[in-house]
Amino acid sequence: IELENAIFASLSSTGTLAAGSFRSGAAVVAADGDDFILYDTASGALSYDADGNGAGAAVPFATLGIGLALSSADFLVT
């Protein structure tokens, strides 16, 4: 899945998404300041949280299949 860092501005480094920038799970939320891409395994929602666990809310931007075994390696930041 390609993510353009001009749109996903918190993803400043190009290449494979950093492992610490991705979290997945049922009703997942950001656990720290660099959890930017969130995949809810129960709903299939793929969300972007520009400030990780800061005050800003995650914004869903795609719906994928439920229960996928995604990892940061499935994302390319360009």
PDB file of N, CA and C in Angstrom:
ATOM      1  N   ILE A   1       0.866  -1.159   0.000  1.00  0.00           N
ATOM      2  CA  ILE A   1       0.000   0.000   0.000  1.00  0.00           C
ATOM      3  C   ILE A   1       0.910   1.218   0.000  1.00  0.00           C
ATOM      4  N   GLU A   2       0.748   2.079  -0.992  1.00  0.00           N
ATOM      5  CA  GLU A   2       1.601   3.267  -1.112  1.00  0.00           C
ATOM      6  C   GLU A   2       0.986   4.451  -0.376  1.00  0.00           C
ATOM      7  N   LEU A   3       1.809   5.123   0.413  1.00  0.00           N
ATOM      8  CA  LEU A   3       1.399   6.297   1.179  1.00  0.00           C
ATOM      9  C   LEU A   3       2.286   7.467   0.766  1.00  0.00           C
ATOM     10  N   GLU A   4       1.701   8.516   0.246  1.00  0.00           N
ATOM     11  CA  GLU A   4       2.440   9.700  -0.202  1.00  0.00           C
ATOM     12  C   GLU A   4       2.685  10.618   0.990  1.00  0.00           C
ATOM     13  N   ASN A   5       3.974  10.896   1.299  1.00  0.00           N
ATOM     14  CA  ASN A   5       4.252  11.689   2.495  1.00  0.00           C
ATOM     15  C   ASN A   5       3.909  13.169   2.351  1.00  0.00           C
ATOM     16  N   ALA A   6       3.548  13.611   1.164  1.00  0.00           N
ATOM     17  CA  ALA A   6       3.010  14.970   1.028  1.00  0.00           C
ATOM     18  C   ALA A   6       1.599  15.034   1.617  1.00  0.00           C
ATOM     19  N   ILE A   7       0.917  13.906   1.654  1.00  0.00           N
ATOM     20  CA  ILE A   7      -0.429  13.815   2.236  1.00  0.00           C
ATOM     21  C   ILE A   7      -0.341  13.330   3.682  1.00  0.00           C
ATOM     22  N   PHE A   8       0.437  12.286   3.903  1.00  0.00           N
ATOM     23  CA  PHE A   8       0.636  11.718   5.241  1.00  0.00           C
ATOM     24  C   PHE A   8       1.919  12.338   5.807  1.00  0.00           C
ATOM     25  N   ALA A   9       1.843  13.599   6.172  1.00  0.00           N
ATOM     26  CA  ALA A   9       3.023  14.418   6.469  1.00  0.00           C
ATOM     27  C   ALA A   9       3.855  13.920   7.649  1.00  0.00           C
ATOM     28  N   SER A  10       3.289  13.192   8.565  1.00  0.00           N
ATOM     29  CA  SER A  10       4.062  12.673   9.700  1.00  0.00           C
ATOM     30  C   SER A  10       5.010  11.557   9.281  1.00  0.00           C
ATOM     31  N   LEU A  11       4.799  11.004   8.097  1.00  0.00           N
ATOM     32  CA  LEU A  11       5.668   9.944   7.578  1.00  0.00           C
ATOM     33  C   LEU A  11       6.779  10.602   6.769  1.00  0.00           C
ATOM     34  N   SER A  12       7.789  11.113   7.432  1.00  0.00           N
ATOM     35  CA  SER A  12       8.806  11.924   6.770  1.00  0.00           C
ATOM     36  C   SER A  12       9.839  11.105   6.009  1.00  0.00           C
ATOM     37  N   SER A  13      10.102   9.880   6.410  1.00  0.00           N
ATOM     38  CA  SER A  13      11.092   9.044   5.735  1.00  0.00           C
ATOM     39  C   SER A  13      10.439   8.216   4.644  1.00  0.00           C
ATOM     40  N   THR A  14      11.070   8.183   3.468  1.00  0.00           N
ATOM     41  CA  THR A  14      10.542   7.373   2.378  1.00  0.00           C
ATOM     42  C   THR A  14      11.078   5.948   2.480  1.00  0.00           C
ATOM     43  N   GLY A  15      10.419   5.050   1.769  1.00  0.00           N
ATOM     44  CA  GLY A  15      10.771   3.636   1.797  1.00  0.00           C
ATOM     45  C   GLY A  15       9.724   2.863   2.578  1.00  0.00           C
ATOM     46  N   THR A  16      10.093   1.683   3.030  1.00  0.00           N
ATOM     47  CA  THR A  16       9.176   0.856   3.816  1.00  0.00           C
ATOM     48  C   THR A  16       8.799   1.588   5.102  1.00  0.00           C
ATOM     49  N   LEU A  17       7.533   1.539   5.443  1.00  0.00           N
ATOM     50  CA  LEU A  17       7.049   2.182   6.665  1.00  0.00           C
ATOM     51  C   LEU A  17       7.800   1.633   7.877  1.00  0.00           C
ATOM     52  N   ALA A  18       8.260   2.522   8.741  1.00  0.00           N
ATOM     53  CA  ALA A  18       8.957   2.105   9.961  1.00  0.00           C
ATOM     54  C   ALA A  18       8.031   1.237  10.816  1.00  0.00           C
ATOM     55  N   ALA A  19       8.585   0.184  11.387  1.00  0.00           N
ATOM     56  CA  ALA A  19       7.785  -0.753  12.184  1.00  0.00           C
ATOM     57  C   ALA A  19       7.056  -0.049  13.320  1.00  0.00           C
ATOM     58  N   GLY A  20       7.672   0.939  13.935  1.00  0.00           N
ATOM     59  CA  GLY A  20       7.058   1.643  15.048  1.00  0.00           C
ATOM     60  C   GLY A  20       5.940   2.582  14.661  1.00  0.00           C
ATOM     61  N   SER A  21       5.764   2.802  13.359  1.00  0.00           N
ATOM     62  CA  SER A  21       4.722   3.718  12.880  1.00  0.00           C
ATOM     63  C   SER A  21       3.415   3.017  12.544  1.00  0.00           C
ATOM     64  N   PHE A  22       3.343   1.706  12.768  1.00  0.00           N
ATOM     65  CA  PHE A  22       2.160   0.914  12.419  1.00  0.00           C
ATOM     66  C   PHE A  22       1.687   0.115  13.624  1.00  0.00           C
ATOM     67  N   ARG A  23       0.380   0.111  13.829  1.00  0.00           N
ATOM     68  CA  ARG A  23      -0.245  -0.743  14.855  1.00  0.00           C
ATOM     69  C   ARG A  23      -1.491  -1.370  14.260  1.00  0.00           C
ATOM     70  N   SER A  24      -1.775  -2.580  14.684  1.00  0.00           N
ATOM     71  CA  SER A  24      -3.012  -3.225  14.257  1.00  0.00           C
ATOM     72  C   SER A  24      -3.610  -3.990  15.423  1.00  0.00           C
ATOM     73  N   GLY A  25      -4.909  -4.210  15.328  1.00  0.00           N
ATOM     74  CA  GLY A  25      -5.638  -4.953  16.341  1.00  0.00           C
ATOM     75  C   GLY A  25      -7.096  -4.535  16.317  1.00  0.00           C
ATOM     76  N   ALA A  26      -7.911  -5.241  17.063  1.00  0.00           N
ATOM     77  CA  ALA A  26      -9.335  -4.902  17.152  1.00  0.00           C
ATOM     78  C   ALA A  26      -9.484  -3.594  17.920  1.00  0.00           C
ATOM     79  N   ALA A  27     -10.193  -2.634  17.333  1.00  0.00           N
ATOM     80  CA  ALA A  27     -10.418  -1.309  17.939  1.00  0.00           C
ATOM     81  C   ALA A  27      -9.102  -0.639  18.322  1.00  0.00           C
ATOM     82  N   VAL A  28      -8.103  -0.778  17.465  1.00  0.00           N
ATOM     83  CA  VAL A  28      -6.755  -0.266  17.740  1.00  0.00           C
ATOM     84  C   VAL A  28      -6.739   1.259  17.869  1.00  0.00           C
ATOM     85  N   VAL A  29      -5.908   1.741  18.774  1.00  0.00           N
ATOM     86  CA  VAL A  29      -5.637   3.174  18.932  1.00  0.00           C
ATOM     87  C   VAL A  29      -4.125   3.348  19.044  1.00  0.00           C
ATOM     88  N   ALA A  30      -3.658   4.558  18.782  1.00  0.00           N
ATOM     89  CA  ALA A  30      -2.230   4.847  18.901  1.00  0.00           C
ATOM     90  C   ALA A  30      -1.795   4.704  20.354  1.00  0.00           C
ATOM     91  N   ALA A  31      -0.665   4.032  20.570  1.00  0.00           N
ATOM     92  CA  ALA A  31      -0.149   3.825  21.922  1.00  0.00           C
ATOM     93  C   ALA A  31       0.975   4.795  22.260  1.00  0.00           C
ATOM     94  N   ASP A  32       1.622   5.354  21.225  1.00  0.00           N
ATOM     95  CA  ASP A  32       2.682   6.322  21.470  1.00  0.00           C
ATOM     96  C   ASP A  32       2.718   7.346  20.341  1.00  0.00           C
ATOM     97  N   GLY A  33       3.651   8.253  20.426  1.00  0.00           N
ATOM     98  CA  GLY A  33       3.675   9.396  19.526  1.00  0.00           C
ATOM     99  C   GLY A  33       4.007   9.119  18.081  1.00  0.00           C
ATOM    100  N   ASP A  34       4.477   7.913  17.758  1.00  0.00           N
ATOM    101  CA  ASP A  34       4.783   7.627  16.351  1.00  0.00           C
ATOM    102  C   ASP A  34       3.915   6.515  15.758  1.00  0.00           C
ATOM    103  N   ASP A  35       2.799   6.217  16.379  1.00  0.00           N
ATOM    104  CA  ASP A  35       1.831   5.264  15.809  1.00  0.00           C
ATOM    105  C   ASP A  35       0.928   6.032  14.845  1.00  0.00           C
ATOM    106  N   PHE A  36       1.349   6.115  13.587  1.00  0.00           N
ATOM    107  CA  PHE A  36       0.651   6.951  12.615  1.00  0.00           C
ATOM    108  C   PHE A  36      -0.362   6.190  11.755  1.00  0.00           C
ATOM    109  N   ILE A  37      -0.065   4.949  11.414  1.00  0.00           N
ATOM    110  CA  ILE A  37      -0.951   4.150  10.564  1.00  0.00           C
ATOM    111  C   ILE A  37      -1.550   3.043  11.429  1.00  0.00           C
ATOM    112  N   LEU A  38      -2.881   3.008  11.469  1.00  0.00           N
ATOM    113  CA  LEU A  38      -3.605   2.079  12.336  1.00  0.00           C
ATOM    114  C   LEU A  38      -4.549   1.219  11.498  1.00  0.00           C
ATOM    115  N   TYR A  39      -4.494  -0.083  11.702  1.00  0.00           N
ATOM    116  CA  TYR A  39      -5.400  -0.999  11.005  1.00  0.00           C
ATOM    117  C   TYR A  39      -6.257  -1.719  12.035  1.00  0.00           C
ATOM    118  N   ASP A  40      -7.565  -1.510  11.962  1.00  0.00           N
ATOM    119  CA  ASP A  40      -8.520  -2.163  12.860  1.00  0.00           C
ATOM    120  C   ASP A  40      -8.898  -3.512  12.257  1.00  0.00           C
ATOM    121  N   THR A  41      -8.411  -4.582  12.850  1.00  0.00           N
ATOM    122  CA  THR A  41      -8.646  -5.921  12.310  1.00  0.00           C
ATOM    123  C   THR A  41     -10.105  -6.349  12.397  1.00  0.00           C
ATOM    124  N   ALA A  42     -10.879  -5.720  13.274  1.00  0.00           N
ATOM    125  CA  ALA A  42     -12.291  -6.078  13.431  1.00  0.00           C
ATOM    126  C   ALA A  42     -13.180  -5.411  12.393  1.00  0.00           C
ATOM    127  N   SER A  43     -12.839  -4.190  11.997  1.00  0.00           N
ATOM    128  CA  SER A  43     -13.683  -3.452  11.048  1.00  0.00           C
ATOM    129  C   SER A  43     -13.064  -3.325   9.663  1.00  0.00           C
ATOM    130  N   GLY A  44     -11.757  -3.508   9.561  1.00  0.00           N
ATOM    131  CA  GLY A  44     -11.048  -3.315   8.303  1.00  0.00           C
ATOM    132  C   GLY A  44     -10.635  -1.872   8.056  1.00  0.00           C
ATOM    133  N   ALA A  45     -10.922  -0.971   8.990  1.00  0.00           N
ATOM    134  CA  ALA A  45     -10.591   0.449   8.811  1.00  0.00           C
ATOM    135  C   ALA A  45      -9.084   0.663   8.878  1.00  0.00           C
ATOM    136  N   LEU A  46      -8.569   1.400   7.900  1.00  0.00           N
ATOM    137  CA  LEU A  46      -7.176   1.820   7.880  1.00  0.00           C
ATOM    138  C   LEU A  46      -7.182   3.321   8.135  1.00  0.00           C
ATOM    139  N   SER A  47      -6.486   3.747   9.179  1.00  0.00           N
ATOM    140  CA  SER A  47      -6.563   5.143   9.617  1.00  0.00           C
ATOM    141  C   SER A  47      -5.185   5.765   9.712  1.00  0.00           C
ATOM    142  N   TYR A  48      -5.172   7.097   9.632  1.00  0.00           N
ATOM    143  CA  TYR A  48      -3.958   7.894   9.798  1.00  0.00           C
ATOM    144  C   TYR A  48      -4.142   8.774  11.020  1.00  0.00           C
ATOM    145  N   ASP A  49      -3.181   8.710  11.928  1.00  0.00           N
ATOM    146  CA  ASP A  49      -3.201   9.546  13.129  1.00  0.00           C
ATOM    147  C   ASP A  49      -1.947  10.413  13.099  1.00  0.00           C
ATOM    148  N   ALA A  50      -2.090  11.646  12.656  1.00  0.00           N
ATOM    149  CA  ALA A  50      -0.955  12.535  12.408  1.00  0.00           C
ATOM    150  C   ALA A  50      -0.115  12.809  13.641  1.00  0.00           C
ATOM    151  N   ASP A  51      -0.706  12.721  14.836  1.00  0.00           N
ATOM    152  CA  ASP A  51       0.063  12.997  16.052  1.00  0.00           C
ATOM    153  C   ASP A  51       0.158  11.777  16.978  1.00  0.00           C
ATOM    154  N   GLY A  52      -0.017  10.590  16.425  1.00  0.00           N
ATOM    155  CA  GLY A  52       0.080   9.387  17.253  1.00  0.00           C
ATOM    156  C   GLY A  52      -0.903   9.446  18.407  1.00  0.00           C
ATOM    157  N   ASN A  53      -0.414   9.283  19.623  1.00  0.00           N
ATOM    158  CA  ASN A  53      -1.320   9.275  20.765  1.00  0.00           C
ATOM    159  C   ASN A  53      -1.582  10.677  21.325  1.00  0.00           C
ATOM    160  N   GLY A  54      -1.332  11.712  20.527  1.00  0.00           N
ATOM    161  CA  GLY A  54      -1.639  13.081  20.938  1.00  0.00           C
ATOM    162  C   GLY A  54      -3.134  13.344  20.911  1.00  0.00           C
ATOM    163  N   ALA A  55      -3.489  14.608  21.059  1.00  0.00           N
ATOM    164  CA  ALA A  55      -4.897  15.000  21.182  1.00  0.00           C
ATOM    165  C   ALA A  55      -5.703  14.820  19.898  1.00  0.00           C
ATOM    166  N   GLY A  56      -5.047  14.847  18.738  1.00  0.00           N
ATOM    167  CA  GLY A  56      -5.756  14.712  17.467  1.00  0.00           C
ATOM    168  C   GLY A  56      -6.292  13.305  17.265  1.00  0.00           C
ATOM    169  N   ALA A  57      -7.410  13.208  16.590  1.00  0.00           N
ATOM    170  CA  ALA A  57      -8.046  11.910  16.345  1.00  0.00           C
ATOM    171  C   ALA A  57      -7.505  11.257  15.079  1.00  0.00           C
ATOM    172  N   ALA A  58      -7.539   9.943  15.049  1.00  0.00           N
ATOM    173  CA  ALA A  58      -7.204   9.192  13.844  1.00  0.00           C
ATOM    174  C   ALA A  58      -8.309   9.392  12.814  1.00  0.00           C
ATOM    175  N   VAL A  59      -7.914   9.448  11.534  1.00  0.00           N
ATOM    176  CA  VAL A  59      -8.859   9.666  10.443  1.00  0.00           C
ATOM    177  C   VAL A  59      -8.843   8.444   9.527  1.00  0.00           C
ATOM    178  N   PRO A  60      -9.955   7.721   9.422  1.00  0.00           N
ATOM    179  CA  PRO A  60     -10.004   6.587   8.492  1.00  0.00           C
ATOM    180  C   PRO A  60      -9.859   7.077   7.052  1.00  0.00           C
ATOM    181  N   PHE A  61      -9.042   6.362   6.257  1.00  0.00           N
ATOM    182  CA  PHE A  61      -8.868   6.752   4.862  1.00  0.00           C
ATOM    183  C   PHE A  61      -9.081   5.603   3.890  1.00  0.00           C
ATOM    184  N   ALA A  62      -9.258   4.398   4.393  1.00  0.00           N
ATOM    185  CA  ALA A  62      -9.532   3.252   3.521  1.00  0.00           C
ATOM    186  C   ALA A  62     -10.191   2.155   4.352  1.00  0.00           C
ATOM    187  N   THR A  63     -10.917   1.290   3.673  1.00  0.00           N
ATOM    188  CA  THR A  63     -11.478   0.105   4.312  1.00  0.00           C
ATOM    189  C   THR A  63     -10.926  -1.110   3.594  1.00  0.00           C
ATOM    190  N   LEU A  64     -10.293  -1.980   4.351  1.00  0.00           N
ATOM    191  CA  LEU A  64      -9.702  -3.202   3.820  1.00  0.00           C
ATOM    192  C   LEU A  64     -10.500  -4.395   4.331  1.00  0.00           C
ATOM    193  N   GLY A  65     -10.071  -5.569   3.957  1.00  0.00           N
ATOM    194  CA  GLY A  65     -10.706  -6.772   4.469  1.00  0.00           C
ATOM    195  C   GLY A  65     -10.511  -6.889   5.971  1.00  0.00           C
ATOM    196  N   ILE A  66     -11.366  -7.650   6.603  1.00  0.00           N
ATOM    197  CA  ILE A  66     -11.296  -7.858   8.049  1.00  0.00           C
ATOM    198  C   ILE A  66     -10.280  -8.957   8.358  1.00  0.00           C
ATOM    199  N   GLY A  67      -9.480  -8.737   9.404  1.00  0.00           N
ATOM    200  CA  GLY A  67      -8.571  -9.758   9.900  1.00  0.00           C
ATOM    201  C   GLY A  67      -7.332 -10.010   9.070  1.00  0.00           C
ATOM    202  N   LEU A  68      -6.913  -9.053   8.262  1.00  0.00           N
ATOM    203  CA  LEU A  68      -5.705  -9.239   7.459  1.00  0.00           C
ATOM    204  C   LEU A  68      -4.468  -9.221   8.351  1.00  0.00           C
ATOM    205  N   ALA A  69      -3.454  -9.963   7.958  1.00  0.00           N
ATOM    206  CA  ALA A  69      -2.193 -10.013   8.709  1.00  0.00           C
ATOM    207  C   ALA A  69      -1.228  -8.981   8.140  1.00  0.00           C
ATOM    208  N   LEU A  70      -1.559  -7.707   8.303  1.00  0.00           N
ATOM    209  CA  LEU A  70      -0.719  -6.633   7.780  1.00  0.00           C
ATOM    210  C   LEU A  70       0.431  -6.335   8.727  1.00  0.00           C
ATOM    211  N   SER A  71       1.515  -5.817   8.152  1.00  0.00           N
ATOM    212  CA  SER A  71       2.641  -5.323   8.944  1.00  0.00           C
ATOM    213  C   SER A  71       3.152  -4.050   8.281  1.00  0.00           C
ATOM    214  N   SER A  72       4.091  -3.402   8.912  1.00  0.00           N
ATOM    215  CA  SER A  72       4.654  -2.181   8.330  1.00  0.00           C
ATOM    216  C   SER A  72       5.300  -2.459   6.976  1.00  0.00           C
ATOM    217  N   ALA A  73       5.761  -3.674   6.753  1.00  0.00           N
ATOM    218  CA  ALA A  73       6.395  -4.044   5.487  1.00  0.00           C
ATOM    219  C   ALA A  73       5.423  -4.004   4.311  1.00  0.00           C
ATOM    220  N   ASP A  74       4.128  -3.943   4.587  1.00  0.00           N
ATOM    221  CA  ASP A  74       3.118  -3.880   3.524  1.00  0.00           C
ATOM    222  C   ASP A  74       2.878  -2.458   3.030  1.00  0.00           C
ATOM    223  N   PHE A  75       3.602  -1.476   3.583  1.00  0.00           N
ATOM    224  CA  PHE A  75       3.396  -0.072   3.241  1.00  0.00           C
ATOM    225  C   PHE A  75       4.685   0.534   2.707  1.00  0.00           C
ATOM    226  N   LEU A  76       4.550   1.319   1.645  1.00  0.00           N
ATOM    227  CA  LEU A  76       5.673   2.030   1.047  1.00  0.00           C
ATOM    228  C   LEU A  76       5.376   3.516   1.118  1.00  0.00           C
ATOM    229  N   VAL A  77       6.268   4.268   1.747  1.00  0.00           N
ATOM    230  CA  VAL A  77       6.119   5.717   1.852  1.00  0.00           C
ATOM    231  C   VAL A  77       6.914   6.353   0.721  1.00  0.00           C
ATOM    232  N   THR A  78       6.232   7.177  -0.072  1.00  0.00           N
ATOM    233  CA  THR A  78       6.902   7.845  -1.195  1.00  0.00           C
ATOM    234  C   THR A  78       6.817   9.346  -1.051  1.00  0.00           C
TER     235      THR A  78
END
